mmCIF file of all heavy atoms, coordinates in Angstrom:
data_MODEL
# 
_entry.id   MODEL 
# 
loop_
_atom_site.group_PDB 
_atom_site.id 
_atom_site.type_symbol 
_atom_site.label_atom_id 
_atom_site.label_alt_id 
_atom_site.label_comp_id 
_atom_site.label_asym_id 
_atom_site.label_entity_id 
_atom_site.label_seq_id 
_atom_site.pdbx_PDB_ins_code 
_atom_site.Cartn_x 
_atom_site.Cartn_y 
_atom_site.Cartn_z 
_atom_site.occupancy 
_atom_site.B_iso_or_equiv 
_atom_site.pdbx_formal_charge 
_atom_site.auth_seq_id 
_atom_site.auth_comp_id 
_atom_site.auth_asym_id 
_atom_site.auth_atom_id 
_atom_site.pdbx_PDB_model_num 
ATOM 1   N N   . MET A 1 1  ? 70.116 36.327 -6.018  1.00 0.00 ? 1  MET A N   1 
ATOM 2   C CA  . MET A 1 1  ? 69.929 37.672 -6.543  1.00 0.00 ? 1  MET A CA  1 
ATOM 3   C C   . MET A 1 1  ? 69.790 37.559 -8.064  1.00 0.00 ? 1  MET A C   1 
ATOM 4   O O   . MET A 1 1  ? 70.509 36.800 -8.707  1.00 0.00 ? 1  MET A O   1 
ATOM 5   C CB  . MET A 1 1  ? 71.134 38.554 -6.208  1.00 0.00 ? 1  MET A CB  1 
ATOM 6   C CG  . MET A 1 1  ? 71.295 38.858 -4.744  1.00 0.00 ? 1  MET A CG  1 
ATOM 7   S SD  . MET A 1 1  ? 70.099 40.100 -4.225  1.00 0.00 ? 1  MET A SD  1 
ATOM 8   C CE  . MET A 1 1  ? 70.654 40.409 -2.548  1.00 0.00 ? 1  MET A CE  1 
ATOM 9   N N   . ILE A 1 2  ? 68.859 38.307 -8.620  1.00 0.00 ? 2  ILE A N   1 
ATOM 10  C CA  . ILE A 1 2  ? 68.622 38.248 -10.063 1.00 0.00 ? 2  ILE A CA  1 
ATOM 11  C C   . ILE A 1 2  ? 68.781 39.635 -10.656 1.00 0.00 ? 2  ILE A C   1 
ATOM 12  O O   . ILE A 1 2  ? 68.178 40.592 -10.188 1.00 0.00 ? 2  ILE A O   1 
ATOM 13  C CB  . ILE A 1 2  ? 67.214 37.713 -10.386 1.00 0.00 ? 2  ILE A CB  1 
ATOM 14  C CG1 . ILE A 1 2  ? 67.066 36.278 -9.889  1.00 0.00 ? 2  ILE A CG1 1 
ATOM 15  C CG2 . ILE A 1 2  ? 66.947 37.779 -11.886 1.00 0.00 ? 2  ILE A CG2 1 
ATOM 16  C CD1 . ILE A 1 2  ? 65.737 35.638 -10.219 1.00 0.00 ? 2  ILE A CD1 1 
ATOM 17  N N   . GLY A 1 3  ? 69.600 39.740 -11.697 1.00 0.00 ? 3  GLY A N   1 
ATOM 18  C CA  . GLY A 1 3  ? 69.804 41.001 -12.395 1.00 0.00 ? 3  GLY A CA  1 
ATOM 19  C C   . GLY A 1 3  ? 69.333 40.887 -13.826 1.00 0.00 ? 3  GLY A C   1 
ATOM 20  O O   . GLY A 1 3  ? 68.960 39.820 -14.301 1.00 0.00 ? 3  GLY A O   1 
ATOM 21  N N   . GLY A 1 4  ? 69.356 42.026 -14.526 1.00 0.00 ? 4  GLY A N   1 
ATOM 22  C CA  . GLY A 1 4  ? 68.920 42.062 -15.911 1.00 0.00 ? 4  GLY A CA  1 
ATOM 23  C C   . GLY A 1 4  ? 69.886 42.849 -16.769 1.00 0.00 ? 4  GLY A C   1 
ATOM 24  O O   . GLY A 1 4  ? 70.951 43.255 -16.314 1.00 0.00 ? 4  GLY A O   1 
ATOM 25  N N   . GLU A 1 5  ? 69.506 43.055 -18.032 1.00 0.00 ? 5  GLU A N   1 
ATOM 26  C CA  . GLU A 1 5  ? 70.348 43.812 -18.946 1.00 0.00 ? 5  GLU A CA  1 
ATOM 27  C C   . GLU A 1 5  ? 70.422 45.275 -18.530 1.00 0.00 ? 5  GLU A C   1 
ATOM 28  O O   . GLU A 1 5  ? 69.672 45.747 -17.683 1.00 0.00 ? 5  GLU A O   1 
ATOM 29  C CB  . GLU A 1 5  ? 69.801 43.707 -20.370 1.00 0.00 ? 5  GLU A CB  1 
ATOM 30  C CG  . GLU A 1 5  ? 70.033 42.346 -21.001 1.00 0.00 ? 5  GLU A CG  1 
ATOM 31  C CD  . GLU A 1 5  ? 69.644 42.368 -22.463 1.00 0.00 ? 5  GLU A CD  1 
ATOM 32  O OE1 . GLU A 1 5  ? 70.456 42.806 -23.283 1.00 0.00 ? 5  GLU A OE1 1 
ATOM 33  O OE2 . GLU A 1 5  ? 68.512 41.950 -22.771 1.00 0.00 ? 5  GLU A OE2 1 
ATOM 34  N N   . THR A 1 6  ? 71.316 46.006 -19.189 1.00 0.00 ? 6  THR A N   1 
ATOM 35  C CA  . THR A 1 6  ? 71.583 47.388 -18.802 1.00 0.00 ? 6  THR A CA  1 
ATOM 36  C C   . THR A 1 6  ? 70.316 48.216 -18.694 1.00 0.00 ? 6  THR A C   1 
ATOM 37  O O   . THR A 1 6  ? 70.036 48.842 -17.673 1.00 0.00 ? 6  THR A O   1 
ATOM 38  C CB  . THR A 1 6  ? 72.534 48.054 -19.828 1.00 0.00 ? 6  THR A CB  1 
ATOM 39  O OG1 . THR A 1 6  ? 73.695 47.253 -19.960 1.00 0.00 ? 6  THR A OG1 1 
ATOM 40  C CG2 . THR A 1 6  ? 72.904 49.439 -19.368 1.00 0.00 ? 6  THR A CG2 1 
ATOM 41  N N   . GLU A 1 7  ? 69.495 48.201 -19.749 1.00 0.00 ? 7  GLU A N   1 
ATOM 42  C CA  . GLU A 1 7  ? 68.315 49.060 -19.734 1.00 0.00 ? 7  GLU A CA  1 
ATOM 43  C C   . GLU A 1 7  ? 67.189 48.479 -18.906 1.00 0.00 ? 7  GLU A C   1 
ATOM 44  O O   . GLU A 1 7  ? 66.180 49.118 -18.668 1.00 0.00 ? 7  GLU A O   1 
ATOM 45  C CB  . GLU A 1 7  ? 67.821 49.296 -21.170 1.00 0.00 ? 7  GLU A CB  1 
ATOM 46  C CG  . GLU A 1 7  ? 67.208 48.074 -21.867 1.00 0.00 ? 7  GLU A CG  1 
ATOM 47  C CD  . GLU A 1 7  ? 68.267 47.214 -22.528 1.00 0.00 ? 7  GLU A CD  1 
ATOM 48  O OE1 . GLU A 1 7  ? 69.461 47.412 -22.219 1.00 0.00 ? 7  GLU A OE1 1 
ATOM 49  O OE2 . GLU A 1 7  ? 67.898 46.356 -23.348 1.00 0.00 ? 7  GLU A OE2 1 
ATOM 50  N N   . LYS A 1 8  ? 67.366 47.236 -18.446 1.00 0.00 ? 8  LYS A N   1 
ATOM 51  C CA  . LYS A 1 8  ? 66.320 46.597 -17.654 1.00 0.00 ? 8  LYS A CA  1 
ATOM 52  C C   . LYS A 1 8  ? 66.884 46.081 -16.331 1.00 0.00 ? 8  LYS A C   1 
ATOM 53  O O   . LYS A 1 8  ? 66.347 45.171 -15.736 1.00 0.00 ? 8  LYS A O   1 
ATOM 54  C CB  . LYS A 1 8  ? 65.695 45.443 -18.436 1.00 0.00 ? 8  LYS A CB  1 
ATOM 55  C CG  . LYS A 1 8  ? 64.982 45.875 -19.710 1.00 0.00 ? 8  LYS A CG  1 
ATOM 56  C CD  . LYS A 1 8  ? 64.384 44.686 -20.429 1.00 0.00 ? 8  LYS A CD  1 
ATOM 57  C CE  . LYS A 1 8  ? 63.657 45.131 -21.699 1.00 0.00 ? 8  LYS A CE  1 
ATOM 58  N NZ  . LYS A 1 8  ? 63.104 43.999 -22.446 1.00 0.00 ? 8  LYS A NZ  1 
ATOM 59  N N   . SER A 1 9  ? 67.966 46.694 -15.889 1.00 0.00 ? 9  SER A N   1 
ATOM 60  C CA  . SER A 1 9  ? 68.622 46.160 -14.714 1.00 0.00 ? 9  SER A CA  1 
ATOM 61  C C   . SER A 1 9  ? 67.810 46.378 -13.449 1.00 0.00 ? 9  SER A C   1 
ATOM 62  O O   . SER A 1 9  ? 68.063 45.751 -12.433 1.00 0.00 ? 9  SER A O   1 
ATOM 63  C CB  . SER A 1 9  ? 70.014 46.766 -14.543 1.00 0.00 ? 9  SER A CB  1 
ATOM 64  O OG  . SER A 1 9  ? 69.923 48.167 -14.434 1.00 0.00 ? 9  SER A OG  1 
ATOM 65  N N   . HIS A 1 10 ? 66.836 47.280 -13.487 1.00 0.00 ? 10 HIS A N   1 
ATOM 66  C CA  . HIS A 1 10 ? 65.896 47.392 -12.384 1.00 0.00 ? 10 HIS A CA  1 
ATOM 67  C C   . HIS A 1 10 ? 64.857 46.301 -12.591 1.00 0.00 ? 10 HIS A C   1 
ATOM 68  O O   . HIS A 1 10 ? 63.927 46.433 -13.369 1.00 0.00 ? 10 HIS A O   1 
ATOM 69  C CB  . HIS A 1 10 ? 65.237 48.763 -12.375 1.00 0.00 ? 10 HIS A CB  1 
ATOM 70  C CG  . HIS A 1 10 ? 64.100 48.855 -11.403 1.00 0.00 ? 10 HIS A CG  1 
ATOM 71  N ND1 . HIS A 1 10 ? 64.280 48.664 -10.063 1.00 0.00 ? 10 HIS A ND1 1 
ATOM 72  C CD2 . HIS A 1 10 ? 62.787 49.084 -11.584 1.00 0.00 ? 10 HIS A CD2 1 
ATOM 73  C CE1 . HIS A 1 10 ? 63.109 48.792 -9.459  1.00 0.00 ? 10 HIS A CE1 1 
ATOM 74  N NE2 . HIS A 1 10 ? 62.197 49.030 -10.359 1.00 0.00 ? 10 HIS A NE2 1 
ATOM 75  N N   . TYR A 1 11 ? 65.017 45.189 -11.915 1.00 0.00 ? 11 TYR A N   1 
ATOM 76  C CA  . TYR A 1 11 ? 64.154 44.035 -12.122 1.00 0.00 ? 11 TYR A CA  1 
ATOM 77  C C   . TYR A 1 11 ? 62.791 44.348 -11.522 1.00 0.00 ? 11 TYR A C   1 
ATOM 78  O O   . TYR A 1 11 ? 62.573 44.292 -10.330 1.00 0.00 ? 11 TYR A O   1 
ATOM 79  C CB  . TYR A 1 11 ? 64.794 42.801 -11.484 1.00 0.00 ? 11 TYR A CB  1 
ATOM 80  C CG  . TYR A 1 11 ? 64.217 41.514 -11.974 1.00 0.00 ? 11 TYR A CG  1 
ATOM 81  C CD1 . TYR A 1 11 ? 64.418 41.092 -13.280 1.00 0.00 ? 11 TYR A CD1 1 
ATOM 82  C CD2 . TYR A 1 11 ? 63.447 40.735 -11.141 1.00 0.00 ? 11 TYR A CD2 1 
ATOM 83  C CE1 . TYR A 1 11 ? 63.887 39.921 -13.728 1.00 0.00 ? 11 TYR A CE1 1 
ATOM 84  C CE2 . TYR A 1 11 ? 62.906 39.554 -11.583 1.00 0.00 ? 11 TYR A CE2 1 
ATOM 85  C CZ  . TYR A 1 11 ? 63.129 39.144 -12.872 1.00 0.00 ? 11 TYR A CZ  1 
ATOM 86  O OH  . TYR A 1 11 ? 62.580 37.975 -13.336 1.00 0.00 ? 11 TYR A OH  1 
ATOM 87  N N   . TYR A 1 12 ? 61.823 44.656 -12.364 1.00 0.00 ? 12 TYR A N   1 
ATOM 88  C CA  . TYR A 1 12 ? 60.705 45.507 -11.988 1.00 0.00 ? 12 TYR A CA  1 
ATOM 89  C C   . TYR A 1 12 ? 59.791 44.939 -10.943 1.00 0.00 ? 12 TYR A C   1 
ATOM 90  O O   . TYR A 1 12 ? 59.154 45.693 -10.205 1.00 0.00 ? 12 TYR A O   1 
ATOM 91  C CB  . TYR A 1 12 ? 59.903 45.868 -13.239 1.00 0.00 ? 12 TYR A CB  1 
ATOM 92  C CG  . TYR A 1 12 ? 58.975 44.771 -13.734 1.00 0.00 ? 12 TYR A CG  1 
ATOM 93  C CD1 . TYR A 1 12 ? 57.614 44.848 -13.498 1.00 0.00 ? 12 TYR A CD1 1 
ATOM 94  C CD2 . TYR A 1 12 ? 59.464 43.665 -14.410 1.00 0.00 ? 12 TYR A CD2 1 
ATOM 95  C CE1 . TYR A 1 12 ? 56.775 43.859 -13.948 1.00 0.00 ? 12 TYR A CE1 1 
ATOM 96  C CE2 . TYR A 1 12 ? 58.630 42.675 -14.855 1.00 0.00 ? 12 TYR A CE2 1 
ATOM 97  C CZ  . TYR A 1 12 ? 57.273 42.772 -14.623 1.00 0.00 ? 12 TYR A CZ  1 
ATOM 98  O OH  . TYR A 1 12 ? 56.432 41.791 -15.059 1.00 0.00 ? 12 TYR A OH  1 
ATOM 99  N N   . HIS A 1 13 ? 59.638 43.646 -10.792 1.00 0.00 ? 13 HIS A N   1 
ATOM 100 C CA  . HIS A 1 13 ? 58.642 43.161 -9.840  1.00 0.00 ? 13 HIS A CA  1 
ATOM 101 C C   . HIS A 1 13 ? 59.234 42.320 -8.721  1.00 0.00 ? 13 HIS A C   1 
ATOM 102 O O   . HIS A 1 13 ? 58.518 41.768 -7.926  1.00 0.00 ? 13 HIS A O   1 
ATOM 103 C CB  . HIS A 1 13 ? 57.556 42.365 -10.550 1.00 0.00 ? 13 HIS A CB  1 
ATOM 104 C CG  . HIS A 1 13 ? 58.004 41.018 -11.061 1.00 0.00 ? 13 HIS A CG  1 
ATOM 105 N ND1 . HIS A 1 13 ? 58.997 40.880 -11.986 1.00 0.00 ? 13 HIS A ND1 1 
ATOM 106 C CD2 . HIS A 1 13 ? 57.597 39.771 -10.757 1.00 0.00 ? 13 HIS A CD2 1 
ATOM 107 C CE1 . HIS A 1 13 ? 59.164 39.593 -12.249 1.00 0.00 ? 13 HIS A CE1 1 
ATOM 108 N NE2 . HIS A 1 13 ? 58.344 38.900 -11.507 1.00 0.00 ? 13 HIS A NE2 1 
ATOM 109 N N   . GLN A 1 14 ? 60.535 42.231 -8.627  1.00 0.00 ? 14 GLN A N   1 
ATOM 110 C CA  . GLN A 1 14 ? 61.123 41.458 -7.546  1.00 0.00 ? 14 GLN A CA  1 
ATOM 111 C C   . GLN A 1 14 ? 62.066 42.267 -6.666  1.00 0.00 ? 14 GLN A C   1 
ATOM 112 O O   . GLN A 1 14 ? 62.190 41.984 -5.488  1.00 0.00 ? 14 GLN A O   1 
ATOM 113 C CB  . GLN A 1 14 ? 61.871 40.247 -8.102  1.00 0.00 ? 14 GLN A CB  1 
ATOM 114 C CG  . GLN A 1 14 ? 60.959 39.199 -8.709  1.00 0.00 ? 14 GLN A CG  1 
ATOM 115 C CD  . GLN A 1 14 ? 60.101 38.513 -7.649  1.00 0.00 ? 14 GLN A CD  1 
ATOM 116 O OE1 . GLN A 1 14 ? 60.527 38.330 -6.537  1.00 0.00 ? 14 GLN A OE1 1 
ATOM 117 N NE2 . GLN A 1 14 ? 58.891 38.166 -8.000  1.00 0.00 ? 14 GLN A NE2 1 
ATOM 118 N N   . GLY A 1 15 ? 62.753 43.239 -7.254  1.00 0.00 ? 15 GLY A N   1 
ATOM 119 C CA  . GLY A 1 15 ? 63.565 44.110 -6.427  1.00 0.00 ? 15 GLY A CA  1 
ATOM 120 C C   . GLY A 1 15 ? 64.834 43.496 -5.875  1.00 0.00 ? 15 GLY A C   1 
ATOM 121 O O   . GLY A 1 15 ? 65.366 43.952 -4.886  1.00 0.00 ? 15 GLY A O   1 
ATOM 122 N N   . TYR A 1 16 ? 65.356 42.463 -6.504  1.00 0.00 ? 16 TYR A N   1 
ATOM 123 C CA  . TYR A 1 16 ? 66.609 41.896 -6.027  1.00 0.00 ? 16 TYR A CA  1 
ATOM 124 C C   . TYR A 1 16 ? 67.721 42.950 -6.019  1.00 0.00 ? 16 TYR A C   1 
ATOM 125 O O   . TYR A 1 16 ? 68.561 42.972 -5.145  1.00 0.00 ? 16 TYR A O   1 
ATOM 126 C CB  . TYR A 1 16 ? 67.056 40.736 -6.928  1.00 0.00 ? 16 TYR A CB  1 
ATOM 127 C CG  . TYR A 1 16 ? 66.207 39.501 -6.839  1.00 0.00 ? 16 TYR A CG  1 
ATOM 128 C CD1 . TYR A 1 16 ? 65.100 39.333 -7.643  1.00 0.00 ? 16 TYR A CD1 1 
ATOM 129 C CD2 . TYR A 1 16 ? 66.536 38.486 -5.948  1.00 0.00 ? 16 TYR A CD2 1 
ATOM 130 C CE1 . TYR A 1 16 ? 64.334 38.186 -7.564  1.00 0.00 ? 16 TYR A CE1 1 
ATOM 131 C CE2 . TYR A 1 16 ? 65.775 37.342 -5.862  1.00 0.00 ? 16 TYR A CE2 1 
ATOM 132 C CZ  . TYR A 1 16 ? 64.672 37.186 -6.672  1.00 0.00 ? 16 TYR A CZ  1 
ATOM 133 O OH  . TYR A 1 16 ? 63.911 36.060 -6.589  1.00 0.00 ? 16 TYR A OH  1 
ATOM 134 N N   . GLU A 1 17 ? 67.723 43.815 -7.013  1.00 0.00 ? 17 GLU A N   1 
ATOM 135 C CA  . GLU A 1 17 ? 68.858 44.707 -7.172  1.00 0.00 ? 17 GLU A CA  1 
ATOM 136 C C   . GLU A 1 17 ? 68.845 45.900 -6.227  1.00 0.00 ? 17 GLU A C   1 
ATOM 137 O O   . GLU A 1 17 ? 69.796 46.666 -6.190  1.00 0.00 ? 17 GLU A O   1 
ATOM 138 C CB  . GLU A 1 17 ? 68.943 45.184 -8.623  1.00 0.00 ? 17 GLU A CB  1 
ATOM 139 C CG  . GLU A 1 17 ? 69.276 44.047 -9.558  1.00 0.00 ? 17 GLU A CG  1 
ATOM 140 C CD  . GLU A 1 17 ? 69.754 44.534 -10.907 1.00 0.00 ? 17 GLU A CD  1 
ATOM 141 O OE1 . GLU A 1 17 ? 69.672 45.739 -11.158 1.00 0.00 ? 17 GLU A OE1 1 
ATOM 142 O OE2 . GLU A 1 17 ? 70.222 43.711 -11.692 1.00 0.00 ? 17 GLU A OE2 1 
ATOM 143 N N   . THR A 1 18 ? 67.783 46.046 -5.447  1.00 0.00 ? 18 THR A N   1 
ATOM 144 C CA  . THR A 1 18 ? 67.791 47.154 -4.497  1.00 0.00 ? 18 THR A CA  1 
ATOM 145 C C   . THR A 1 18 ? 68.849 46.953 -3.426  1.00 0.00 ? 18 THR A C   1 
ATOM 146 O O   . THR A 1 18 ? 69.205 47.884 -2.724  1.00 0.00 ? 18 THR A O   1 
ATOM 147 C CB  . THR A 1 18 ? 66.413 47.301 -3.830  1.00 0.00 ? 18 THR A CB  1 
ATOM 148 O OG1 . THR A 1 18 ? 66.092 46.080 -3.154  1.00 0.00 ? 18 THR A OG1 1 
ATOM 149 C CG2 . THR A 1 18 ? 65.351 47.606 -4.844  1.00 0.00 ? 18 THR A CG2 1 
ATOM 150 N N   . ARG A 1 19 ? 69.367 45.732 -3.311  1.00 0.00 ? 19 ARG A N   1 
ATOM 151 C CA  . ARG A 1 19 ? 70.391 45.485 -2.308  1.00 0.00 ? 19 ARG A CA  1 
ATOM 152 C C   . ARG A 1 19 ? 71.767 45.974 -2.769  1.00 0.00 ? 19 ARG A C   1 
ATOM 153 O O   . ARG A 1 19 ? 72.633 46.224 -1.948  1.00 0.00 ? 19 ARG A O   1 
ATOM 154 C CB  . ARG A 1 19 ? 70.485 43.987 -1.986  1.00 0.00 ? 19 ARG A CB  1 
ATOM 155 C CG  . ARG A 1 19 ? 69.192 43.371 -1.509  1.00 0.00 ? 19 ARG A CG  1 
ATOM 156 C CD  . ARG A 1 19 ? 68.687 44.028 -0.267  1.00 0.00 ? 19 ARG A CD  1 
ATOM 157 N NE  . ARG A 1 19 ? 69.031 43.278 0.938   1.00 0.00 ? 19 ARG A NE  1 
ATOM 158 C CZ  . ARG A 1 19 ? 68.484 43.507 2.106   1.00 0.00 ? 19 ARG A CZ  1 
ATOM 159 N NH1 . ARG A 1 19 ? 67.592 44.465 2.234   1.00 0.00 ? 19 ARG A NH1 1 
ATOM 160 N NH2 . ARG A 1 19 ? 68.823 42.797 3.146   1.00 0.00 ? 19 ARG A NH2 1 
ATOM 161 N N   . PHE A 1 20 ? 71.955 46.098 -4.087  1.00 0.00 ? 20 PHE A N   1 
ATOM 162 C CA  . PHE A 1 20 ? 73.289 46.484 -4.540  1.00 0.00 ? 20 PHE A CA  1 
ATOM 163 C C   . PHE A 1 20 ? 73.296 47.425 -5.732  1.00 0.00 ? 20 PHE A C   1 
ATOM 164 O O   . PHE A 1 20 ? 74.341 47.768 -6.252  1.00 0.00 ? 20 PHE A O   1 
ATOM 165 C CB  . PHE A 1 20 ? 74.126 45.248 -4.889  1.00 0.00 ? 20 PHE A CB  1 
ATOM 166 C CG  . PHE A 1 20 ? 73.455 44.297 -5.856  1.00 0.00 ? 20 PHE A CG  1 
ATOM 167 C CD1 . PHE A 1 20 ? 73.632 44.426 -7.212  1.00 0.00 ? 20 PHE A CD1 1 
ATOM 168 C CD2 . PHE A 1 20 ? 72.666 43.273 -5.382  1.00 0.00 ? 20 PHE A CD2 1 
ATOM 169 C CE1 . PHE A 1 20 ? 73.033 43.552 -8.099  1.00 0.00 ? 20 PHE A CE1 1 
ATOM 170 C CE2 . PHE A 1 20 ? 72.049 42.393 -6.266  1.00 0.00 ? 20 PHE A CE2 1 
ATOM 171 C CZ  . PHE A 1 20 ? 72.226 42.533 -7.616  1.00 0.00 ? 20 PHE A CZ  1 
ATOM 172 N N   . GLY A 1 21 ? 72.124 47.880 -6.180  1.00 0.00 ? 21 GLY A N   1 
ATOM 173 C CA  . GLY A 1 21 ? 72.064 48.873 -7.235  1.00 0.00 ? 21 GLY A CA  1 
ATOM 174 C C   . GLY A 1 21 ? 72.150 48.293 -8.632  1.00 0.00 ? 21 GLY A C   1 
ATOM 175 O O   . GLY A 1 21 ? 72.354 47.098 -8.829  1.00 0.00 ? 21 GLY A O   1 
ATOM 176 N N   . LYS A 1 22 ? 71.982 49.158 -9.635  1.00 0.00 ? 22 LYS A N   1 
ATOM 177 C CA  . LYS A 1 22 ? 72.017 48.723 -11.027 1.00 0.00 ? 22 LYS A CA  1 
ATOM 178 C C   . LYS A 1 22 ? 73.452 48.446 -11.471 1.00 0.00 ? 22 LYS A C   1 
ATOM 179 O O   . LYS A 1 22 ? 74.376 49.141 -11.076 1.00 0.00 ? 22 LYS A O   1 
ATOM 180 C CB  . LYS A 1 22 ? 71.399 49.797 -11.929 1.00 0.00 ? 22 LYS A CB  1 
ATOM 181 C CG  . LYS A 1 22 ? 69.920 50.059 -11.660 1.00 0.00 ? 22 LYS A CG  1 
ATOM 182 C CD  . LYS A 1 22 ? 69.367 51.081 -12.644 1.00 0.00 ? 22 LYS A CD  1 
ATOM 183 C CE  . LYS A 1 22 ? 67.895 51.373 -12.365 1.00 0.00 ? 22 LYS A CE  1 
ATOM 184 N NZ  . LYS A 1 22 ? 67.334 52.324 -13.345 1.00 0.00 ? 22 LYS A NZ  1 
ATOM 185 N N   . ARG A 1 23 ? 73.582 47.437 -12.297 1.00 0.00 ? 23 ARG A N   1 
ATOM 186 C CA  . ARG A 1 23 ? 74.882 47.122 -12.874 1.00 0.00 ? 23 ARG A CA  1 
ATOM 187 C C   . ARG A 1 23 ? 74.718 46.899 -14.375 1.00 0.00 ? 23 ARG A C   1 
ATOM 188 O O   . ARG A 1 23 ? 73.701 46.402 -14.828 1.00 0.00 ? 23 ARG A O   1 
ATOM 189 C CB  . ARG A 1 23 ? 75.467 45.856 -12.236 1.00 0.00 ? 23 ARG A CB  1 
ATOM 190 C CG  . ARG A 1 23 ? 75.703 45.981 -10.744 1.00 0.00 ? 23 ARG A CG  1 
ATOM 191 C CD  . ARG A 1 23 ? 76.713 47.058 -10.426 1.00 0.00 ? 23 ARG A CD  1 
ATOM 192 N NE  . ARG A 1 23 ? 78.010 46.785 -10.999 1.00 0.00 ? 23 ARG A NE  1 
ATOM 193 C CZ  . ARG A 1 23 ? 78.975 46.135 -10.368 1.00 0.00 ? 23 ARG A CZ  1 
ATOM 194 N NH1 . ARG A 1 23 ? 78.797 45.697 -9.133  1.00 0.00 ? 23 ARG A NH1 1 
ATOM 195 N NH2 . ARG A 1 23 ? 80.145 45.922 -10.956 1.00 0.00 ? 23 ARG A NH2 1 
ATOM 196 N N   . SER A 1 24 ? 75.716 47.242 -15.117 1.00 0.00 ? 24 SER A N   1 
ATOM 197 C CA  . SER A 1 24 ? 75.652 47.137 -16.569 1.00 0.00 ? 24 SER A CA  1 
ATOM 198 C C   . SER A 1 24 ? 76.056 45.734 -17.025 1.00 0.00 ? 24 SER A C   1 
ATOM 199 O O   . SER A 1 24 ? 77.187 45.305 -16.823 1.00 0.00 ? 24 SER A O   1 
ATOM 200 C CB  . SER A 1 24 ? 76.584 48.170 -17.207 1.00 0.00 ? 24 SER A CB  1 
ATOM 201 O OG  . SER A 1 24 ? 76.618 48.015 -18.605 1.00 0.00 ? 24 SER A OG  1 
ATOM 202 N N   . ILE A 1 25 ? 75.091 45.011 -17.595 1.00 0.00 ? 25 ILE A N   1 
ATOM 203 C CA  . ILE A 1 25 ? 75.361 43.687 -18.151 1.00 0.00 ? 25 ILE A CA  1 
ATOM 204 C C   . ILE A 1 25 ? 74.764 43.643 -19.549 1.00 0.00 ? 25 ILE A C   1 
ATOM 205 O O   . ILE A 1 25 ? 73.590 43.957 -19.746 1.00 0.00 ? 25 ILE A O   1 
ATOM 206 C CB  . ILE A 1 25 ? 74.738 42.578 -17.295 1.00 0.00 ? 25 ILE A CB  1 
ATOM 207 C CG1 . ILE A 1 25 ? 75.184 42.712 -15.836 1.00 0.00 ? 25 ILE A CG1 1 
ATOM 208 C CG2 . ILE A 1 25 ? 75.114 41.201 -17.824 1.00 0.00 ? 25 ILE A CG2 1 
ATOM 209 C CD1 . ILE A 1 25 ? 74.491 41.760 -14.902 1.00 0.00 ? 25 ILE A CD1 1 
ATOM 210 N N   . LYS A 1 26 ? 75.558 43.262 -20.514 1.00 0.00 ? 26 LYS A N   1 
ATOM 211 C CA  . LYS A 1 26 ? 75.104 43.265 -21.890 1.00 0.00 ? 26 LYS A CA  1 
ATOM 212 C C   . LYS A 1 26 ? 74.927 41.842 -22.410 1.00 0.00 ? 26 LYS A C   1 
ATOM 213 O O   . LYS A 1 26 ? 75.390 40.882 -21.811 1.00 0.00 ? 26 LYS A O   1 
ATOM 214 C CB  . LYS A 1 26 ? 76.100 44.018 -22.775 1.00 0.00 ? 26 LYS A CB  1 
ATOM 215 C CG  . LYS A 1 26 ? 76.308 45.474 -22.381 1.00 0.00 ? 26 LYS A CG  1 
ATOM 216 C CD  . LYS A 1 26 ? 77.349 46.137 -23.271 1.00 0.00 ? 26 LYS A CD  1 
ATOM 217 C CE  . LYS A 1 26 ? 77.560 47.592 -22.872 1.00 0.00 ? 26 LYS A CE  1 
ATOM 218 N NZ  . LYS A 1 26 ? 78.585 48.248 -23.722 1.00 0.00 ? 26 LYS A NZ  1 
ATOM 219 N N   . TYR A 1 27 ? 74.227 41.739 -23.530 1.00 0.00 ? 27 TYR A N   1 
ATOM 220 C CA  . TYR A 1 27 ? 74.098 40.449 -24.211 1.00 0.00 ? 27 TYR A CA  1 
ATOM 221 C C   . TYR A 1 27 ? 74.748 40.560 -25.588 1.00 0.00 ? 27 TYR A C   1 
ATOM 222 O O   . TYR A 1 27 ? 74.487 41.529 -26.283 1.00 0.00 ? 27 TYR A O   1 
ATOM 223 C CB  . TYR A 1 27 ? 72.633 40.056 -24.361 1.00 0.00 ? 27 TYR A CB  1 
ATOM 224 C CG  . TYR A 1 27 ? 72.496 38.643 -24.894 1.00 0.00 ? 27 TYR A CG  1 
ATOM 225 C CD1 . TYR A 1 27 ? 72.505 37.566 -24.024 1.00 0.00 ? 27 TYR A CD1 1 
ATOM 226 C CD2 . TYR A 1 27 ? 72.385 38.391 -26.256 1.00 0.00 ? 27 TYR A CD2 1 
ATOM 227 C CE1 . TYR A 1 27 ? 72.421 36.269 -24.501 1.00 0.00 ? 27 TYR A CE1 1 
ATOM 228 C CE2 . TYR A 1 27 ? 72.301 37.100 -26.741 1.00 0.00 ? 27 TYR A CE2 1 
ATOM 229 C CZ  . TYR A 1 27 ? 72.307 36.041 -25.851 1.00 0.00 ? 27 TYR A CZ  1 
ATOM 230 O OH  . TYR A 1 27 ? 72.223 34.767 -26.336 1.00 0.00 ? 27 TYR A OH  1 
# 
């Protein structure tokens, strides 16, 4: 599963996060 930063947590072309929703991760 691949996630992204808060404002980009919807990983736009793979959809890994549709299984568990957006999560807040910062850098």
